[in-house]
């Protein structure tokens, strides 16, 4: 779930310099200092300077003095002329929330109220974004934010054949679109590098409450998906059929066995109704897509899922379900889901 955030001191910079001289990896340095790797990468970049070698060639090296000088300069720049400069405790609080707890600027400000914190100045969400873009926060860049502007590249148009014979999303009852009824889910997989990771994350998102369920698959196959739904059905028992009314999926090969996914494991007949999105229409599973981006904050693209423990997957699920959301007036998916469950159990 990430290392604890903290400010690097000059003594830390001296250690970083010594370890770099010994060819110590960034991952090892981060572990020794108890910070995330991105903190070390930023620190190295901050302290880089071009050195002329004895053979008249040039090389870029890290200098702890240059890094400290840059740090002190930035401290002064964000001082008296900036609103936040008069309350560094607020600045550090926001940095901690965004870097360590992976909050958005809006969520970080909301938690000031929720936790009853008092600071000498107040900031708006737009002001925080502005400070980040200007480099006022020494430990936050736009890359640390949950939503970043993406550069869209032109892609070749592909024609995808449907891999199943199940019902299309166009046949799904219209009232499901409005997210007013509980029990309608979207399902997707989050995968690691092709040819490297065997394990896959199967994710289910309830459309009304945004409740997230993450399950590990040993293989990226249709059989593993069916096996996981069987496990989920056994776990929920009779409540499964009330909580899981429909599931909408894409046309990936792992969802090819619609009969196996729909067929009940604990009773005769079906357990849930499946619907398939139109090819290349991820927007038809908007909740899934948003939740997947939250997962990627913890396991970035390129991460080998075979190295991600089951405990870590569970922690990610808990973090997502307890994340304060503007959609719910900064309530959480877990709270909304529990409210719906209470209604079902009271019937």
Protein backbone atom coordinates (compact mmCIF):
# COMPACT_ATOMS: atom_id res chain seq x y z
CA UNK A 1 0.00 0.00 0.00
CA UNK A 2 3.00 2.30 -0.13
CA UNK A 3 5.59 3.66 2.25
CA UNK A 4 4.82 6.34 4.81
CA UNK A 5 5.35 9.88 3.54
CA UNK A 6 7.94 12.14 5.19
CA UNK A 7 10.26 15.02 4.33
CA UNK A 8 13.83 14.11 3.40
CA UNK A 9 16.54 15.79 5.46
CA UNK A 10 20.09 16.75 4.49
CA UNK A 11 21.36 13.68 6.35
CA UNK A 12 19.14 11.54 4.12
CA UNK A 13 20.62 13.21 1.05
CA UNK A 14 24.13 12.36 2.19
CA UNK A 15 23.07 8.73 2.60
CA UNK A 16 21.48 8.72 -0.86
CA UNK A 17 24.71 10.04 -2.35
CA UNK A 18 26.80 7.36 -0.63
CA UNK A 19 24.45 4.57 -1.67
CA UNK A 20 24.36 5.77 -5.27
CA UNK A 21 28.15 5.72 -5.28
CA UNK A 22 27.94 2.07 -4.21
CA UNK A 23 25.50 1.35 -7.08
CA UNK A 24 22.63 0.67 -4.68
CA UNK A 25 19.27 0.40 -6.44
CA UNK A 26 16.58 3.04 -5.99
CA UNK A 27 14.21 0.40 -4.60
CA UNK A 28 16.73 -0.53 -1.90
CA UNK A 29 17.42 3.12 -1.02
CA UNK A 30 13.69 3.80 -0.71
CA UNK A 31 13.26 0.78 1.55
CA UNK A 32 16.16 1.83 3.80
CA UNK A 33 14.79 5.36 4.19
CA UNK A 34 11.19 4.20 4.56
CA UNK A 35 9.83 6.20 1.62
CA UNK A 36 8.37 5.33 -1.78
CA UNK A 37 10.61 4.92 -4.83
CA UNK A 38 9.05 7.95 -6.52
CA UNK A 39 10.35 10.13 -3.67
CA UNK A 40 13.90 8.94 -4.37
CA UNK A 41 13.55 9.42 -8.13
CA UNK A 42 12.36 13.00 -7.57
CA UNK A 43 15.16 13.63 -5.09
CA UNK A 44 17.83 12.38 -7.53
CA UNK A 45 16.43 14.58 -10.29
CA UNK A 46 16.36 17.56 -7.91
CA UNK A 47 20.06 17.13 -7.11
CA UNK A 48 21.38 16.40 -10.59
CA UNK A 49 24.14 18.48 -12.14
CA UNK A 50 26.42 18.04 -15.13
CA UNK A 51 29.96 17.08 -14.16
CA UNK A 52 32.97 17.41 -16.46
CA UNK A 53 35.20 14.35 -16.28
CA UNK A 54 38.99 14.27 -16.58
CA UNK A 55 38.73 12.98 -20.14
CA UNK A 56 36.62 16.05 -21.02
CA UNK A 57 33.41 14.05 -21.28
CA UNK A 58 30.35 15.07 -19.29
CA UNK A 59 28.11 13.01 -17.03
CA UNK A 60 25.05 13.74 -14.93
CA UNK A 61 25.47 12.95 -11.23
CA UNK A 62 23.62 13.48 -7.97
CA UNK A 63 24.97 16.01 -5.47
CA UNK A 64 23.34 16.21 -2.01
CA UNK A 65 24.37 19.86 -1.64
CA UNK A 66 22.68 20.81 -4.93
CA UNK A 67 19.54 18.96 -3.83
CA UNK A 68 19.51 20.67 -0.42
CA UNK A 69 20.06 24.08 -2.04
CA UNK A 70 17.15 23.44 -4.40
CA UNK A 71 14.98 22.37 -1.45
CA UNK A 72 15.79 25.50 0.59
CA UNK A 73 15.15 27.70 -2.43
CA UNK A 74 11.73 26.17 -2.94
CA UNK A 75 10.92 26.67 0.75
CA UNK A 76 11.60 30.38 0.37
CA UNK A 77 9.64 30.64 -2.88
CA UNK A 78 6.54 29.22 -1.25
CA UNK A 79 6.88 31.52 1.75
CA UNK A 80 5.34 34.92 2.48
CA UNK A 81 3.91 35.65 -0.96
CA UNK A 82 1.87 32.45 -0.98
CA UNK A 83 -1.21 31.85 1.09
CA UNK A 84 -0.01 28.44 2.20
CA UNK A 85 3.40 29.82 3.14
CA UNK A 86 2.05 31.07 6.46
CA UNK A 87 0.93 27.60 7.50
CA UNK A 88 3.47 24.90 6.66
CA UNK A 89 1.54 22.42 8.82
CA UNK A 90 -1.30 22.61 6.30
CA UNK A 91 1.17 22.16 3.44
CA UNK A 92 2.65 19.04 5.06
CA UNK A 93 -0.83 17.71 5.86
CA UNK A 94 -1.90 17.97 2.21
CA UNK A 95 1.33 16.40 1.00
CA UNK A 96 0.84 13.49 3.40
CA UNK A 97 -2.76 12.94 2.32
CA UNK A 98 -1.96 12.96 -1.39
CA UNK A 99 1.35 11.07 -1.35
CA UNK A 100 0.86 8.61 1.51
CA UNK A 101 -2.90 8.09 1.60
CA UNK A 102 -3.38 8.64 -2.15
CA UNK A 103 -6.18 11.17 -1.73
CA UNK A 104 -7.25 13.63 -4.39
CA UNK A 105 -6.92 17.36 -3.51
CA UNK A 106 -10.70 17.59 -3.00
CA UNK A 107 -10.72 14.54 -0.72
CA UNK A 108 -7.74 15.88 1.24
CA UNK A 109 -9.60 19.16 1.93
CA UNK A 110 -12.73 17.27 2.94
CA UNK A 111 -10.80 15.21 5.47
CA UNK A 112 -9.63 18.40 7.18
CA UNK A 113 -13.28 18.98 8.12
CA UNK A 114 -13.94 15.32 8.85
CA UNK A 115 -10.97 15.06 11.22
CA UNK A 116 -11.71 18.41 12.85
CA UNK A 117 -8.33 19.87 11.88
CA UNK A 118 -7.78 23.61 12.25
CA UNK A 119 -5.26 25.61 10.21
CA UNK A 120 -4.60 29.33 9.94
CA UNK A 121 -5.47 29.46 6.23
CA UNK A 122 -8.01 27.80 3.95
CA UNK A 123 -7.41 26.59 0.40
CA UNK A 124 -9.65 25.66 -2.50
CA UNK A 125 -9.21 22.59 -4.69
CA UNK A 126 -8.22 24.81 -7.64
CA UNK A 127 -5.54 26.51 -5.54
CA UNK A 128 -3.99 23.18 -4.63
CA UNK A 129 -3.91 22.11 -8.28
CA UNK A 130 -2.30 25.44 -9.16
CA UNK A 131 0.37 25.00 -6.45
CA UNK A 132 1.13 21.48 -7.68
CA UNK A 133 1.55 22.65 -11.28
CA UNK A 134 3.87 25.47 -10.15
CA UNK A 135 6.01 23.11 -8.06
CA UNK A 136 5.11 24.73 -4.73
CA UNK A 137 4.65 21.31 -3.15
CA UNK A 138 8.12 19.76 -3.09
CA UNK A 139 6.84 16.21 -2.78
CA UNK A 140 3.84 16.27 -5.13
CA UNK A 141 3.74 16.39 -8.92
CA UNK A 142 0.80 15.94 -11.28
CA UNK A 143 1.85 12.28 -11.56
CA UNK A 144 0.82 11.77 -7.93
CA UNK A 145 -2.79 12.75 -8.61
CA UNK A 146 -5.48 10.13 -9.26
CA UNK A 147 -6.61 11.89 -12.45
CA UNK A 148 -3.98 13.10 -14.90
CA UNK A 149 -4.36 14.58 -18.36
CA UNK A 150 -3.57 11.94 -20.90
CA UNK A 151 -2.04 12.37 -24.30
CA UNK A 152 -4.28 10.63 -26.78
CA UNK A 153 -2.50 8.92 -29.61
CA UNK A 154 -4.20 7.86 -32.79
CA UNK A 155 -4.81 4.15 -32.81
CA UNK A 156 -5.43 1.80 -35.65
CA UNK A 157 -9.06 0.81 -35.88
CA UNK A 158 -9.56 -2.84 -35.04
CA UNK A 159 -12.58 -4.97 -35.68
CA UNK A 160 -13.40 -7.16 -32.72
CA UNK A 161 -15.63 -10.17 -33.04
CA UNK A 162 -17.85 -10.98 -30.12
CA UNK A 163 -16.44 -13.97 -28.30
CA UNK A 164 -19.77 -15.06 -26.82
CA UNK A 165 -23.36 -15.75 -27.67
CA UNK A 166 -24.82 -13.96 -24.64
CA UNK A 167 -27.14 -10.96 -24.59
CA UNK A 168 -25.89 -7.52 -25.63
CA UNK A 169 -26.08 -4.49 -23.33
CA UNK A 170 -28.68 -3.11 -25.73
CA UNK A 171 -31.00 -5.83 -24.37
CA UNK A 172 -30.36 -4.82 -20.75
CA UNK A 173 -33.43 -3.25 -19.06
CA UNK A 174 -33.28 0.52 -19.41
CA UNK A 175 -33.90 1.25 -15.73
CA UNK A 176 -30.46 -0.20 -14.89
CA UNK A 177 -28.86 2.76 -16.68
CA UNK A 178 -30.15 5.17 -14.04
CA UNK A 179 -28.32 3.49 -11.12
CA UNK A 180 -31.37 3.75 -8.89
CA UNK A 181 -31.76 0.02 -8.23
CA UNK A 182 -29.24 -1.89 -6.15
CA UNK A 183 -27.70 -5.16 -7.32
CA UNK A 184 -26.40 -4.42 -10.81
CA UNK A 185 -22.67 -4.95 -11.28
CA UNK A 186 -19.92 -4.37 -13.81
CA UNK A 187 -17.06 -6.86 -14.09
CA UNK A 188 -13.60 -6.56 -15.60
CA UNK A 189 -10.05 -7.86 -15.20
CA UNK A 190 -6.90 -5.89 -14.36
CA UNK A 191 -3.81 -7.56 -15.77
CA UNK A 192 -0.04 -7.34 -15.42
CA UNK A 193 2.61 -7.31 -18.18
CA UNK A 194 1.82 -9.72 -21.01
CA UNK A 195 3.99 -12.80 -20.92
CA UNK A 196 5.19 -12.03 -17.39
CA UNK A 197 2.28 -12.13 -14.95
CA UNK A 198 0.07 -15.18 -14.74
CA UNK A 199 -2.12 -13.85 -11.95
CA UNK A 200 -4.96 -11.44 -12.76
CA UNK A 201 -7.35 -9.34 -10.69
CA UNK A 202 -11.06 -9.92 -11.27
CA UNK A 203 -12.94 -6.78 -10.23
CA UNK A 204 -16.68 -6.30 -9.69
CA UNK A 205 -18.23 -2.87 -9.13
CA UNK A 206 -21.80 -2.34 -7.96
CA UNK A 207 -23.27 0.44 -10.12
CA UNK A 208 -25.33 2.29 -7.48
CA UNK A 209 -23.02 2.19 -4.46
CA UNK A 210 -19.65 1.72 -6.26
CA UNK A 211 -18.85 -1.14 -3.88
CA UNK A 212 -15.73 -2.93 -5.12
CA UNK A 213 -14.93 -6.64 -4.92
CA UNK A 214 -11.46 -7.76 -6.01
CA UNK A 215 -10.61 -11.43 -6.48
CA UNK A 216 -7.38 -13.03 -7.60
CA UNK A 217 -7.36 -15.32 -10.64
CA UNK A 218 -4.53 -17.80 -11.07
CA UNK A 219 -4.90 -17.55 -14.86
CA UNK A 220 -6.49 -15.11 -17.28
CA UNK A 221 -9.05 -17.66 -18.48
CA UNK A 222 -12.81 -18.12 -18.70
CA UNK A 223 -12.60 -21.17 -16.45
CA UNK A 224 -10.96 -19.12 -13.67
CA UNK A 225 -13.67 -16.46 -13.92
CA UNK A 226 -16.42 -19.09 -13.55
CA UNK A 227 -14.55 -20.64 -10.61
CA UNK A 228 -14.37 -17.22 -8.88
CA UNK A 229 -18.09 -16.59 -9.35
CA UNK A 230 -18.78 -20.03 -7.89
CA UNK A 231 -16.68 -19.06 -4.89
CA UNK A 232 -18.53 -15.74 -4.57
CA UNK A 233 -21.90 -17.51 -4.73
CA UNK A 234 -20.89 -19.93 -1.98
CA UNK A 235 -19.62 -17.05 0.17
CA UNK A 236 -22.85 -15.03 -0.07
CA UNK A 237 -25.23 -17.99 0.09
CA UNK A 238 -28.91 -17.16 -0.48
CA UNK A 239 -28.16 -13.43 -0.39
CA UNK A 240 -26.13 -13.76 -3.59
CA UNK A 241 -29.27 -13.83 -5.74
CA UNK A 242 -30.55 -10.58 -4.20
CA UNK A 243 -27.22 -8.76 -4.24
CA UNK A 244 -26.08 -9.88 -7.71
CA UNK A 245 -28.97 -9.39 -10.14
CA UNK A 246 -27.03 -8.58 -13.31
CA UNK A 247 -23.38 -8.33 -14.34
CA UNK A 248 -22.18 -6.38 -17.38
CA UNK A 249 -18.85 -7.38 -18.95
CA UNK A 250 -16.76 -6.61 -22.01
CA UNK A 251 -15.94 -8.97 -24.89
CA UNK A 252 -12.67 -10.29 -23.50
CA UNK A 253 -11.94 -13.98 -23.91
CA UNK A 254 -12.01 -14.46 -20.13
CA UNK A 255 -15.77 -13.72 -20.27
CA UNK A 256 -16.51 -16.06 -23.17
CA UNK A 257 -18.29 -18.70 -21.07
CA UNK A 258 -21.54 -16.84 -20.43
CA UNK A 259 -23.40 -20.07 -19.65
CA UNK A 260 -20.85 -21.01 -16.99
CA UNK A 261 -21.01 -17.54 -15.46
CA UNK A 262 -24.82 -17.49 -15.37
CA UNK A 263 -25.34 -21.06 -14.15
CA UNK A 264 -25.83 -21.39 -10.40
CA UNK A 265 -23.49 -23.56 -8.34
CA UNK A 266 -25.77 -23.87 -5.29
CA UNK A 267 -29.18 -24.30 -6.88
CA UNK A 268 -30.81 -25.30 -10.17
CA UNK A 269 -31.07 -22.73 -12.93
CA UNK A 270 -29.26 -19.41 -13.17
CA UNK A 271 -27.68 -17.26 -10.49
CA UNK A 272 -27.24 -13.95 -12.36
CA UNK A 273 -27.98 -12.40 -15.75
CA UNK A 274 -25.00 -11.47 -17.95
CA UNK A 275 -24.85 -8.64 -20.48
CA UNK A 276 -22.04 -7.83 -22.90
CA UNK A 277 -20.87 -4.34 -23.86
CA UNK A 278 -20.45 -3.32 -27.45
CA UNK A 279 -16.89 -3.91 -28.73
CA UNK A 280 -14.44 -1.13 -27.75
CA UNK A 281 -17.02 0.68 -25.63
CA UNK A 282 -15.41 0.85 -22.19
CA UNK A 283 -17.65 3.82 -21.38
CA UNK A 284 -20.50 1.32 -21.03
CA UNK A 285 -18.68 0.09 -17.92
CA UNK A 286 -17.82 3.54 -16.58
CA UNK A 287 -17.79 2.49 -12.92
CA UNK A 288 -15.34 -0.33 -13.65
CA UNK A 289 -13.04 2.01 -15.55
CA UNK A 290 -12.95 4.56 -12.73
CA UNK A 291 -12.32 1.91 -10.09
CA UNK A 292 -9.55 0.34 -12.19
CA UNK A 293 -7.75 3.67 -12.23
CA UNK A 294 -7.90 3.66 -8.43
CA UNK A 295 -6.37 0.17 -8.38
CA UNK A 296 -3.56 1.39 -10.64
CA UNK A 297 -2.59 3.93 -8.01
CA UNK A 298 -1.38 0.98 -5.95
CA UNK A 299 -0.25 -1.40 -8.69
CA UNK A 300 0.90 0.74 -11.66
CA UNK A 301 0.98 -0.65 -15.17
CA UNK A 302 4.01 -2.87 -15.59
CA UNK A 303 3.67 -4.39 -12.11
CA UNK A 304 4.12 -8.16 -12.06
CA UNK A 305 0.93 -9.36 -10.34
CA UNK A 306 2.65 -12.60 -9.35
CA UNK A 307 4.56 -10.52 -6.79
CA UNK A 308 1.42 -8.87 -5.35
CA UNK A 309 0.25 -10.68 -2.21
CA UNK A 310 -3.34 -11.53 -1.38
CA UNK A 311 -3.12 -9.26 1.67
CA UNK A 312 -2.16 -6.34 -0.57
CA UNK A 313 -5.12 -7.03 -2.87
CA UNK A 314 -7.43 -7.03 0.15
CA UNK A 315 -5.94 -3.75 1.41
CA UNK A 316 -6.54 -2.15 -1.99
CA UNK A 317 -10.17 -3.30 -1.92
CA UNK A 318 -10.65 -1.84 1.57
CA UNK A 319 -8.96 1.43 0.54
CA UNK A 320 -11.26 1.86 -2.49
CA UNK A 321 -14.44 1.07 -0.55
CA UNK A 322 -13.52 3.56 2.19
CA UNK A 323 -12.33 6.35 -0.08
CA UNK A 324 -14.34 9.61 0.43
CA UNK A 325 -16.26 10.39 -2.77
CA UNK A 326 -17.62 13.71 -3.92
CA UNK A 327 -20.45 11.77 -5.61
CA UNK A 328 -21.71 10.75 -2.15
CA UNK A 329 -21.01 14.13 -0.50
CA UNK A 330 -17.72 12.57 0.65
CA UNK A 331 -19.36 9.49 2.04
CA UNK A 332 -17.92 6.12 1.05
CA UNK A 333 -18.96 3.19 -1.12
CA UNK A 334 -18.83 0.94 1.93
CA UNK A 335 -21.34 3.13 3.76
CA UNK A 336 -23.73 3.19 0.79
CA UNK A 337 -23.41 -0.57 0.30
CA UNK A 338 -24.14 -1.27 3.98
CA UNK A 339 -27.25 0.92 3.74
CA UNK A 340 -28.53 -1.16 0.82
CA UNK A 341 -27.72 -4.41 2.60
CA UNK A 342 -29.66 -3.23 5.66
CA UNK A 343 -32.70 -2.65 3.43
CA UNK A 344 -32.44 -6.17 2.00
CA UNK A 345 -32.01 -7.79 5.40
CA UNK A 346 -35.01 -5.84 6.72
CA UNK A 347 -37.29 -7.19 4.02
